[in-house]
Amino acid sequence: METISHDTIYTNVALTSDLDVWWEGKTDVPPPELTDWKGNRWTPESKEPAAHPNSRFCAPMRNNPAIAPEADDPQGVPISAIIFGGRRAATIPLVYQAFNWIHGVYVGATMSSETTAAATGAVGKIRRDPMAMLPFCGYNMGDYFQHWLQMRKKLTVPPRIFCVNWFRRDEHGKFLWPGYGENMRVLKWIVERTHGRADACETPLGWVPGPRDFDLGGMADFNSEKLAKAQEIGLEEWRREAMAHDDLSLKLYADLPKELIFQRELLVARL
């Protein structure tokens, strides 16, 4: 909230009478009257939300009080880890680490999310979004993947690659992981893995933290059993997931690097 308190551009939010911004959830009690995102008068009795579900903001990163001082270093910043993540209510565990660089490229290439209000089409449909670049990559995705694979030959110490999923839900539709500030616990494990200070267990998907490798200290309502649920790997679910990765082969056909085809076969063999 401090980051977006000034020098910020908002879209699709509501306006208060003094031209402040508001959206559902910003305050416990909504203002008595607003101008909604369509420019119409809005009150708490109105049938539609005041802000669009996909309201956004854009703020300069220098506003963030927690930003690292090296962020704008002209000499560059060493990259120790790359994190991919999508919004999935099932199947994908909270966090896992790829076995190696090429496996990590495959993890990014097969990334997927359930569509939200930000995407056209039905909400909740699983959409393949390789490396979250589907709307932004201006050339053949097969060439894009090949570039990642070729980078491996130029890297002395390649960054480790991880996958996260903050959005997994239980059978009642509730999030398995509390999220928000608690996400720092996942990032802590990732940082410790890059420094060789944290152990992990091998699974068909990659390396995952065990209960002794993951800091749950101070979490009153979250224990190792709940962590195991958030980290659960259902083999049948993943066999279906691996079959769905065929979409990549069908869409790219001859342009899909052979390394990624082999990675899919390895995944199926591990399952």
C-alpha atoms as a PDB file:
ATOM      1  CA  MET A   1       0.000   0.000   0.000  1.00  0.00           C
ATOM      2  CA  GLU A   2       2.945   2.317   0.632  1.00  0.00           C
ATOM      3  CA  THR A   3       4.275   1.576  -2.852  1.00  0.00           C
ATOM      4  CA  ILE A   4       1.027   2.644  -4.536  1.00  0.00           C
ATOM      5  CA  SER A   5       0.359   5.652  -2.297  1.00  0.00           C
ATOM      6  CA  HIS A   6       1.813   8.160  -4.807  1.00  0.00           C
ATOM      7  CA  ASP A   7       3.054   8.494  -8.404  1.00  0.00           C
ATOM      8  CA  THR A   8       0.758   5.645  -9.418  1.00  0.00           C
ATOM      9  CA  ILE A   9      -1.494   5.064 -12.424  1.00  0.00           C
ATOM     10  CA  TYR A  10      -4.720   3.145 -11.755  1.00  0.00           C
ATOM     11  CA  THR A  11      -7.092   1.531 -14.235  1.00  0.00           C
ATOM     12  CA  ASN A  12     -10.657   0.266 -13.790  1.00  0.00           C
ATOM     13  CA  VAL A  13     -10.993   1.332 -10.148  1.00  0.00           C
ATOM     14  CA  ALA A  14     -13.697   3.402  -8.496  1.00  0.00           C
ATOM     15  CA  LEU A  15     -13.285   7.037  -7.436  1.00  0.00           C
ATOM     16  CA  THR A  16     -14.316   8.652  -4.168  1.00  0.00           C
ATOM     17  CA  SER A  17     -15.796  12.146  -3.982  1.00  0.00           C
ATOM     18  CA  ASP A  18     -12.352  13.609  -3.197  1.00  0.00           C
ATOM     19  CA  LEU A  19     -10.842  11.738  -6.185  1.00  0.00           C
ATOM     20  CA  ASP A  20      -9.134   9.031  -4.156  1.00  0.00           C
ATOM     21  CA  VAL A  21      -9.216   5.479  -5.530  1.00  0.00           C
ATOM     22  CA  TRP A  22     -11.183   2.531  -4.123  1.00  0.00           C
ATOM     23  CA  TRP A  23     -11.791  -1.105  -4.983  1.00  0.00           C
ATOM     24  CA  GLU A  24     -13.571  -3.998  -3.272  1.00  0.00           C
ATOM     25  CA  GLY A  25     -11.535  -5.123  -0.273  1.00  0.00           C
ATOM     26  CA  LYS A  26      -9.478  -1.952   0.108  1.00  0.00           C
ATOM     27  CA  THR A  27     -11.471  -1.003   3.194  1.00  0.00           C
ATOM     28  CA  ASP A  28     -13.727  -3.082   5.432  1.00  0.00           C
ATOM     29  CA  VAL A  29     -16.616  -0.667   4.901  1.00  0.00           C
ATOM     30  CA  PRO A  30     -17.187   0.812   1.426  1.00  0.00           C
ATOM     31  CA  PRO A  31     -17.667   4.580   1.077  1.00  0.00           C
ATOM     32  CA  PRO A  32     -21.302   5.743   1.008  1.00  0.00           C
ATOM     33  CA  GLU A  33     -20.980   6.890  -2.601  1.00  0.00           C
ATOM     34  CA  LEU A  34     -18.515   6.357  -5.436  1.00  0.00           C
ATOM     35  CA  THR A  35     -18.078   6.784  -9.150  1.00  0.00           C
ATOM     36  CA  ASP A  36     -17.661   3.252 -10.455  1.00  0.00           C
ATOM     37  CA  TRP A  37     -15.137   2.151 -13.067  1.00  0.00           C
ATOM     38  CA  LYS A  38     -17.674   2.845 -15.827  1.00  0.00           C
ATOM     39  CA  GLY A  39     -18.217   6.430 -14.646  1.00  0.00           C
ATOM     40  CA  ASN A  40     -21.618   5.785 -13.071  1.00  0.00           C
ATOM     41  CA  ARG A  41     -22.839   6.696  -9.584  1.00  0.00           C
ATOM     42  CA  TRP A  42     -22.368   3.769  -7.170  1.00  0.00           C
ATOM     43  CA  THR A  43     -23.549   3.071  -3.614  1.00  0.00           C
ATOM     44  CA  PRO A  44     -23.210  -0.001  -1.384  1.00  0.00           C
ATOM     45  CA  GLU A  45     -26.719  -0.962  -2.509  1.00  0.00           C
ATOM     46  CA  SER A  46     -25.631  -1.167  -6.164  1.00  0.00           C
ATOM     47  CA  LYS A  47     -25.827  -4.632  -7.707  1.00  0.00           C
ATOM     48  CA  GLU A  48     -22.471  -4.567  -9.530  1.00  0.00           C
ATOM     49  CA  PRO A  49     -18.959  -4.104  -8.070  1.00  0.00           C
ATOM     50  CA  ALA A  50     -17.570  -0.587  -8.076  1.00  0.00           C
ATOM     51  CA  ALA A  51     -14.220  -1.717  -9.497  1.00  0.00           C
ATOM     52  CA  HIS A  52     -13.577  -4.108 -12.367  1.00  0.00           C
ATOM     53  CA  PRO A  53     -12.300  -7.560 -11.229  1.00  0.00           C
ATOM     54  CA  ASN A  54      -9.160  -6.866 -13.254  1.00  0.00           C
ATOM     55  CA  SER A  55      -8.434  -3.382 -11.914  1.00  0.00           C
ATOM     56  CA  ARG A  56      -4.706  -2.676 -11.978  1.00  0.00           C
ATOM     57  CA  PHE A  57      -2.072  -0.211 -10.861  1.00  0.00           C
ATOM     58  CA  CYS A  58       1.340   0.758 -12.194  1.00  0.00           C
ATOM     59  CA  ALA A  59       3.872   2.268  -9.785  1.00  0.00           C
ATOM     60  CA  PRO A  60       7.618   2.924 -10.093  1.00  0.00           C
ATOM     61  CA  MET A  61       9.601   0.295  -8.227  1.00  0.00           C
ATOM     62  CA  ARG A  62      11.528   3.016  -6.385  1.00  0.00           C
ATOM     63  CA  ASN A  63       8.325   3.562  -4.360  1.00  0.00           C
ATOM     64  CA  ASN A  64       8.770   0.138  -2.753  1.00  0.00           C
ATOM     65  CA  PRO A  65      10.376   0.660   0.679  1.00  0.00           C
ATOM     66  CA  ALA A  66      11.740  -2.910   0.592  1.00  0.00           C
ATOM     67  CA  ILE A  67      13.557  -2.613  -2.748  1.00  0.00           C
ATOM     68  CA  ALA A  68      17.186  -3.734  -2.749  1.00  0.00           C
ATOM     69  CA  PRO A  69      19.661  -0.874  -3.267  1.00  0.00           C
ATOM     70  CA  GLU A  70      21.362  -2.898  -6.026  1.00  0.00           C
ATOM     71  CA  ALA A  71      18.220  -3.033  -8.188  1.00  0.00           C
ATOM     72  CA  ASP A  72      19.465  -0.282 -10.535  1.00  0.00           C
ATOM     73  CA  ASP A  73      23.163  -1.195 -10.427  1.00  0.00           C
ATOM     74  CA  PRO A  74      24.540  -0.400 -13.928  1.00  0.00           C
ATOM     75  CA  GLN A  75      26.990  -3.305 -13.565  1.00  0.00           C
ATOM     76  CA  GLY A  76      24.081  -5.718 -13.380  1.00  0.00           C
ATOM     77  CA  VAL A  77      22.921  -8.054 -10.639  1.00  0.00           C
ATOM     78  CA  PRO A  78      23.891 -11.760 -10.510  1.00  0.00           C
ATOM     79  CA  ILE A  79      20.894 -14.065 -10.955  1.00  0.00           C
ATOM     80  CA  SER A  80      20.918 -17.117  -8.684  1.00  0.00           C
ATOM     81  CA  ALA A  81      17.366 -18.343  -9.214  1.00  0.00           C
ATOM     82  CA  ILE A  82      14.538 -18.067 -11.713  1.00  0.00           C
ATOM     83  CA  ILE A  83      10.990 -18.640 -10.490  1.00  0.00           C
ATOM     84  CA  PHE A  84       8.093 -19.628 -12.735  1.00  0.00           C
ATOM     85  CA  GLY A  85       4.550 -19.748 -11.432  1.00  0.00           C
ATOM     86  CA  GLY A  86       0.975 -20.066 -12.570  1.00  0.00           C
ATOM     87  CA  ARG A  87      -2.460 -19.944 -11.006  1.00  0.00           C
ATOM     88  CA  ARG A  88      -3.677 -23.523 -10.571  1.00  0.00           C
ATOM     89  CA  ALA A  89      -6.320 -24.725  -8.088  1.00  0.00           C
ATOM     90  CA  ALA A  90      -5.080 -28.320  -8.274  1.00  0.00           C
ATOM     91  CA  THR A  91      -2.208 -30.574  -9.418  1.00  0.00           C
ATOM     92  CA  ILE A  92       0.736 -28.132  -9.137  1.00  0.00           C
ATOM     93  CA  PRO A  93       2.444 -28.183  -5.703  1.00  0.00           C
ATOM     94  CA  LEU A  94       3.385 -25.107  -3.706  1.00  0.00           C
ATOM     95  CA  VAL A  95       7.046 -25.187  -4.740  1.00  0.00           C
ATOM     96  CA  TYR A  96       9.534 -27.480  -6.429  1.00  0.00           C
ATOM     97  CA  GLN A  97      12.961 -27.149  -8.000  1.00  0.00           C
ATOM     98  CA  ALA A  98      13.872 -28.379 -11.473  1.00  0.00           C
ATOM     99  CA  PHE A  99      16.541 -31.075 -11.689  1.00  0.00           C
ATOM    100  CA  ASN A 100      18.708 -29.019 -14.042  1.00  0.00           C
ATOM    101  CA  TRP A 101      18.633 -26.131 -16.536  1.00  0.00           C
ATOM    102  CA  ILE A 102      17.039 -28.031 -19.432  1.00  0.00           C
ATOM    103  CA  HIS A 103      14.408 -29.530 -17.131  1.00  0.00           C
ATOM    104  CA  GLY A 104      13.777 -26.013 -15.819  1.00  0.00           C
ATOM    105  CA  VAL A 105      13.228 -24.715 -19.356  1.00  0.00           C
ATOM    106  CA  TYR A 106      10.655 -27.490 -19.809  1.00  0.00           C
ATOM    107  CA  VAL A 107       8.932 -26.473 -16.558  1.00  0.00           C
ATOM    108  CA  GLY A 108       8.682 -22.896 -17.828  1.00  0.00           C
ATOM    109  CA  ALA A 109       7.625 -23.958 -21.321  1.00  0.00           C
ATOM    110  CA  THR A 110       4.715 -26.040 -20.008  1.00  0.00           C
ATOM    111  CA  MET A 111       3.554 -23.480 -17.445  1.00  0.00           C
ATOM    112  CA  SER A 112      -0.189 -22.941 -17.258  1.00  0.00           C
ATOM    113  CA  SER A 113      -2.777 -20.861 -15.436  1.00  0.00           C
ATOM    114  CA  GLU A 114      -6.496 -20.850 -14.974  1.00  0.00           C
ATOM    115  CA  THR A 115      -7.874 -17.862 -16.841  1.00  0.00           C
ATOM    116  CA  THR A 116      -9.034 -14.874 -14.796  1.00  0.00           C
ATOM    117  CA  ALA A 117     -10.772 -11.638 -15.677  1.00  0.00           C
ATOM    118  CA  ALA A 118      -7.476 -10.556 -17.272  1.00  0.00           C
ATOM    119  CA  ALA A 119      -7.880 -13.032 -20.134  1.00  0.00           C
ATOM    120  CA  THR A 120     -10.537 -13.321 -22.782  1.00  0.00           C
ATOM    121  CA  GLY A 121     -12.760 -16.377 -22.793  1.00  0.00           C
ATOM    122  CA  ALA A 122     -14.138 -18.502 -19.977  1.00  0.00           C
ATOM    123  CA  VAL A 123     -12.847 -17.847 -16.459  1.00  0.00           C
ATOM    124  CA  GLY A 124     -11.204 -20.874 -14.818  1.00  0.00           C
ATOM    125  CA  LYS A 125     -10.140 -22.613 -18.015  1.00  0.00           C
ATOM    126  CA  ILE A 126      -6.564 -23.945 -18.019  1.00  0.00           C
ATOM    127  CA  ARG A 127      -4.453 -22.108 -20.575  1.00  0.00           C
ATOM    128  CA  ARG A 128      -0.845 -22.916 -21.486  1.00  0.00           C
ATOM    129  CA  ASP A 129       1.217 -19.789 -21.030  1.00  0.00           C
ATOM    130  CA  PRO A 130       4.882 -20.656 -21.665  1.00  0.00           C
ATOM    131  CA  MET A 131       7.051 -18.690 -19.246  1.00  0.00           C
ATOM    132  CA  ALA A 132       4.144 -16.210 -18.893  1.00  0.00           C
ATOM    133  CA  MET A 133       5.171 -14.884 -22.323  1.00  0.00           C
ATOM    134  CA  LEU A 134       2.201 -15.885 -24.480  1.00  0.00           C
ATOM    135  CA  PRO A 135       0.831 -12.324 -24.849  1.00  0.00           C
ATOM    136  CA  PHE A 136       4.280 -10.764 -25.150  1.00  0.00           C
ATOM    137  CA  CYS A 137       6.577 -12.964 -27.253  1.00  0.00           C
ATOM    138  CA  GLY A 138       6.810 -11.365 -30.692  1.00  0.00           C
ATOM    139  CA  TYR A 139       8.334 -14.325 -32.495  1.00  0.00           C
ATOM    140  CA  ASN A 140       8.124 -18.127 -32.775  1.00  0.00           C
ATOM    141  CA  MET A 141       7.954 -19.688 -29.296  1.00  0.00           C
ATOM    142  CA  GLY A 142      10.047 -22.628 -30.531  1.00  0.00           C
ATOM    143  CA  ASP A 143      12.891 -20.203 -31.287  1.00  0.00           C
ATOM    144  CA  TYR A 144      12.328 -18.596 -27.895  1.00  0.00           C
ATOM    145  CA  PHE A 145      12.765 -21.966 -26.146  1.00  0.00           C
ATOM    146  CA  GLN A 146      15.842 -22.701 -28.271  1.00  0.00           C
ATOM    147  CA  HIS A 147      17.389 -19.433 -27.088  1.00  0.00           C
ATOM    148  CA  TRP A 148      16.933 -20.522 -23.463  1.00  0.00           C
ATOM    149  CA  LEU A 149      18.515 -23.889 -24.211  1.00  0.00           C
ATOM    150  CA  GLN A 150      21.483 -22.309 -25.985  1.00  0.00           C
ATOM    151  CA  MET A 151      22.087 -20.017 -23.017  1.00  0.00           C
ATOM    152  CA  ARG A 152      23.046 -23.089 -20.986  1.00  0.00           C
ATOM    153  CA  LYS A 153      26.250 -23.425 -23.010  1.00  0.00           C
ATOM    154  CA  LYS A 154      27.217 -19.847 -22.142  1.00  0.00           C
ATOM    155  CA  LEU A 155      26.547 -20.075 -18.401  1.00  0.00           C
ATOM    156  CA  THR A 156      29.324 -21.094 -16.049  1.00  0.00           C
ATOM    157  CA  VAL A 157      26.940 -21.356 -13.102  1.00  0.00           C
ATOM    158  CA  PRO A 158      23.343 -21.481 -14.400  1.00  0.00           C
ATOM    159  CA  PRO A 159      20.635 -20.114 -12.111  1.00  0.00           C
ATOM    160  CA  ARG A 160      18.517 -22.773 -10.453  1.00  0.00           C
ATOM    161  CA  ILE A 161      14.946 -22.884 -11.696  1.00  0.00           C
ATOM    162  CA  PHE A 162      11.880 -23.210  -9.453  1.00  0.00           C
ATOM    163  CA  CYS A 163       8.124 -23.435  -9.903  1.00  0.00           C
ATOM    164  CA  VAL A 164       5.614 -22.008  -7.408  1.00  0.00           C
ATOM    165  CA  ASN A 165       1.840 -22.157  -7.116  1.00  0.00           C
ATOM    166  CA  TRP A 166       0.293 -19.971  -4.415  1.00  0.00           C
ATOM    167  CA  PHE A 167      -3.269 -20.768  -5.526  1.00  0.00           C
ATOM    168  CA  ARG A 168      -3.845 -24.459  -4.841  1.00  0.00           C
ATOM    169  CA  ARG A 169      -7.171 -25.162  -3.122  1.00  0.00           C
ATOM    170  CA  ASP A 170      -8.599 -27.946  -0.997  1.00  0.00           C
ATOM    171  CA  GLU A 171     -11.787 -29.920  -1.604  1.00  0.00           C
ATOM    172  CA  HIS A 172     -13.806 -27.068  -0.062  1.00  0.00           C
ATOM    173  CA  GLY A 173     -12.331 -24.453  -2.388  1.00  0.00           C
ATOM    174  CA  LYS A 174     -10.129 -22.830   0.260  1.00  0.00           C
ATOM    175  CA  PHE A 175      -6.511 -21.944  -0.403  1.00  0.00           C
ATOM    176  CA  LEU A 176      -4.090 -24.520   1.013  1.00  0.00           C
ATOM    177  CA  TRP A 177      -1.338 -21.943   1.505  1.00  0.00           C
ATOM    178  CA  PRO A 178      -2.030 -18.679   3.395  1.00  0.00           C
ATOM    179  CA  GLY A 179      -0.035 -16.594   0.894  1.00  0.00           C
ATOM    180  CA  TYR A 180       0.790 -12.900   1.241  1.00  0.00           C
ATOM    181  CA  GLY A 181       3.722 -12.351   3.639  1.00  0.00           C
ATOM    182  CA  GLU A 182       4.025 -16.080   4.263  1.00  0.00           C
ATOM    183  CA  ASN A 183       5.305 -16.442   0.691  1.00  0.00           C
ATOM    184  CA  MET A 184       8.639 -15.254   2.082  1.00  0.00           C
ATOM    185  CA  ARG A 185       9.013 -18.722   3.642  1.00  0.00           C
ATOM    186  CA  VAL A 186       8.998 -20.272   0.172  1.00  0.00           C
ATOM    187  CA  LEU A 187      11.476 -17.664  -1.056  1.00  0.00           C
ATOM    188  CA  LYS A 188      13.671 -18.375   1.969  1.00  0.00           C
ATOM    189  CA  TRP A 189      13.877 -22.059   0.990  1.00  0.00           C
ATOM    190  CA  ILE A 190      14.669 -21.058  -2.587  1.00  0.00           C
ATOM    191  CA  VAL A 191      17.472 -18.736  -1.462  1.00  0.00           C
ATOM    192  CA  GLU A 192      18.878 -21.390   0.859  1.00  0.00           C
ATOM    193  CA  ARG A 193      18.807 -23.940  -1.963  1.00  0.00           C
ATOM    194  CA  THR A 194      20.824 -21.609  -4.184  1.00  0.00           C
ATOM    195  CA  HIS A 195      23.437 -21.343  -1.416  1.00  0.00           C
ATOM    196  CA  GLY A 196      23.455 -25.086  -0.746  1.00  0.00           C
ATOM    197  CA  ARG A 197      22.120 -24.657   2.781  1.00  0.00           C
ATOM    198  CA  ALA A 198      18.779 -26.465   2.454  1.00  0.00           C
ATOM    199  CA  ASP A 199      18.040 -30.102   1.772  1.00  0.00           C
ATOM    200  CA  ALA A 200      15.262 -31.396  -0.453  1.00  0.00           C
ATOM    201  CA  CYS A 201      13.520 -34.626  -1.359  1.00  0.00           C
ATOM    202  CA  GLU A 202      13.516 -36.023  -4.885  1.00  0.00           C
ATOM    203  CA  THR A 203      10.108 -36.494  -6.540  1.00  0.00           C
ATOM    204  CA  PRO A 204       8.987 -37.215 -10.116  1.00  0.00           C
ATOM    205  CA  LEU A 205       8.572 -33.439 -10.623  1.00  0.00           C
ATOM    206  CA  GLY A 206      11.831 -32.238  -9.099  1.00  0.00           C
ATOM    207  CA  TRP A 207      13.260 -31.369  -5.695  1.00  0.00           C
ATOM    208  CA  VAL A 208      10.793 -30.373  -2.952  1.00  0.00           C
ATOM    209  CA  PRO A 209      11.350 -29.217   0.627  1.00  0.00           C
ATOM    210  CA  GLY A 210      10.762 -31.746   3.372  1.00  0.00           C
ATOM    211  CA  PRO A 211       9.139 -30.738   6.679  1.00  0.00           C
ATOM    212  CA  ARG A 212      12.554 -30.169   8.300  1.00  0.00           C
ATOM    213  CA  ASP A 213      13.782 -28.057   5.381  1.00  0.00           C
ATOM    214  CA  PHE A 214      10.920 -25.571   5.446  1.00  0.00           C
ATOM    215  CA  ASP A 215      10.551 -22.853   8.101  1.00  0.00           C
ATOM    216  CA  LEU A 216       7.085 -23.093   9.675  1.00  0.00           C
ATOM    217  CA  GLY A 217       8.060 -21.268  12.870  1.00  0.00           C
ATOM    218  CA  GLY A 218       5.406 -18.908  14.202  1.00  0.00           C
ATOM    219  CA  MET A 219       2.599 -20.229  11.979  1.00  0.00           C
ATOM    220  CA  ALA A 220      -0.123 -20.939  14.518  1.00  0.00           C
ATOM    221  CA  ASP A 221      -2.685 -22.269  12.035  1.00  0.00           C
ATOM    222  CA  PHE A 222      -0.335 -24.065   9.659  1.00  0.00           C
ATOM    223  CA  ASN A 223       1.628 -27.247  10.318  1.00  0.00           C
ATOM    224  CA  SER A 224       3.660 -29.893   8.497  1.00  0.00           C
ATOM    225  CA  GLU A 225       0.494 -31.861   7.616  1.00  0.00           C
ATOM    226  CA  LYS A 226      -0.972 -28.820   5.833  1.00  0.00           C
ATOM    227  CA  LEU A 227       2.347 -28.239   4.084  1.00  0.00           C
ATOM    228  CA  ALA A 228       2.297 -31.848   2.876  1.00  0.00           C
ATOM    229  CA  LYS A 229      -1.214 -31.267   1.489  1.00  0.00           C
ATOM    230  CA  ALA A 230      -0.059 -28.154  -0.378  1.00  0.00           C
ATOM    231  CA  GLN A 231       2.918 -30.132  -1.690  1.00  0.00           C
ATOM    232  CA  GLU A 232       0.994 -33.298  -2.584  1.00  0.00           C
ATOM    233  CA  ILE A 233       1.829 -34.833  -5.970  1.00  0.00           C
ATOM    234  CA  GLY A 234      -1.022 -36.917  -7.346  1.00  0.00           C
ATOM    235  CA  LEU A 235       0.399 -39.361  -9.886  1.00  0.00           C
ATOM    236  CA  GLU A 236      -2.882 -39.768 -11.781  1.00  0.00           C
ATOM    237  CA  GLU A 237      -3.345 -36.004 -11.917  1.00  0.00           C
ATOM    238  CA  TRP A 238       0.166 -35.623 -13.233  1.00  0.00           C
ATOM    239  CA  ARG A 239      -0.256 -38.309 -15.868  1.00  0.00           C
ATOM    240  CA  ARG A 240      -3.170 -36.275 -17.209  1.00  0.00           C
ATOM    241  CA  GLU A 241      -1.089 -33.124 -16.911  1.00  0.00           C
ATOM    242  CA  ALA A 242       1.760 -34.703 -18.884  1.00  0.00           C
ATOM    243  CA  MET A 243      -0.681 -35.721 -21.605  1.00  0.00           C
ATOM    244  CA  ALA A 244      -1.920 -32.125 -21.775  1.00  0.00           C
ATOM    245  CA  HIS A 245       1.664 -31.032 -22.487  1.00  0.00           C
ATOM    246  CA  ASP A 246       1.117 -32.512 -25.945  1.00  0.00           C
ATOM    247  CA  ASP A 247      -0.597 -29.219 -26.800  1.00  0.00           C
ATOM    248  CA  LEU A 248       2.865 -27.704 -27.025  1.00  0.00           C
ATOM    249  CA  SER A 249       4.021 -30.285 -29.562  1.00  0.00           C
ATOM    250  CA  LEU A 250       0.894 -29.914 -31.672  1.00  0.00           C
ATOM    251  CA  LYS A 251       1.042 -26.113 -31.794  1.00  0.00           C
ATOM    252  CA  LEU A 252       4.776 -25.802 -32.469  1.00  0.00           C
ATOM    253  CA  TYR A 253       5.195 -29.044 -34.407  1.00  0.00           C
ATOM    254  CA  ALA A 254       8.640 -29.034 -36.095  1.00  0.00           C
ATOM    255  CA  ASP A 255       9.777 -25.907 -34.216  1.00  0.00           C
ATOM    256  CA  LEU A 256       9.706 -27.490 -30.739  1.00  0.00           C
ATOM    257  CA  PRO A 257      13.292 -28.230 -29.608  1.00  0.00           C
ATOM    258  CA  LYS A 258      13.973 -31.938 -29.292  1.00  0.00           C
ATOM    259  CA  GLU A 259      15.303 -31.431 -25.769  1.00  0.00           C
ATOM    260  CA  LEU A 260      11.800 -30.510 -24.591  1.00  0.00           C
ATOM    261  CA  ILE A 261      10.289 -33.550 -26.295  1.00  0.00           C
ATOM    262  CA  PHE A 262      12.772 -35.729 -24.401  1.00  0.00           C
ATOM    263  CA  GLN A 263      11.962 -33.953 -21.132  1.00  0.00           C
ATOM    264  CA  ARG A 264       8.304 -34.876 -21.528  1.00  0.00           C
ATOM    265  CA  GLU A 265       9.263 -38.527 -22.058  1.00  0.00           C
ATOM    266  CA  LEU A 266      11.431 -38.426 -18.939  1.00  0.00           C
ATOM    267  CA  LEU A 267       8.551 -36.949 -16.932  1.00  0.00           C
ATOM    268  CA  VAL A 268       6.167 -39.675 -18.129  1.00  0.00           C
ATOM    269  CA  ALA A 269       8.770 -42.348 -17.263  1.00  0.00           C
ATOM    270  CA  ARG A 270       9.174 -40.945 -13.727  1.00  0.00           C
ATOM    271  CA  LEU A 271       5.406 -40.982 -13.225  1.00  0.00           C
END
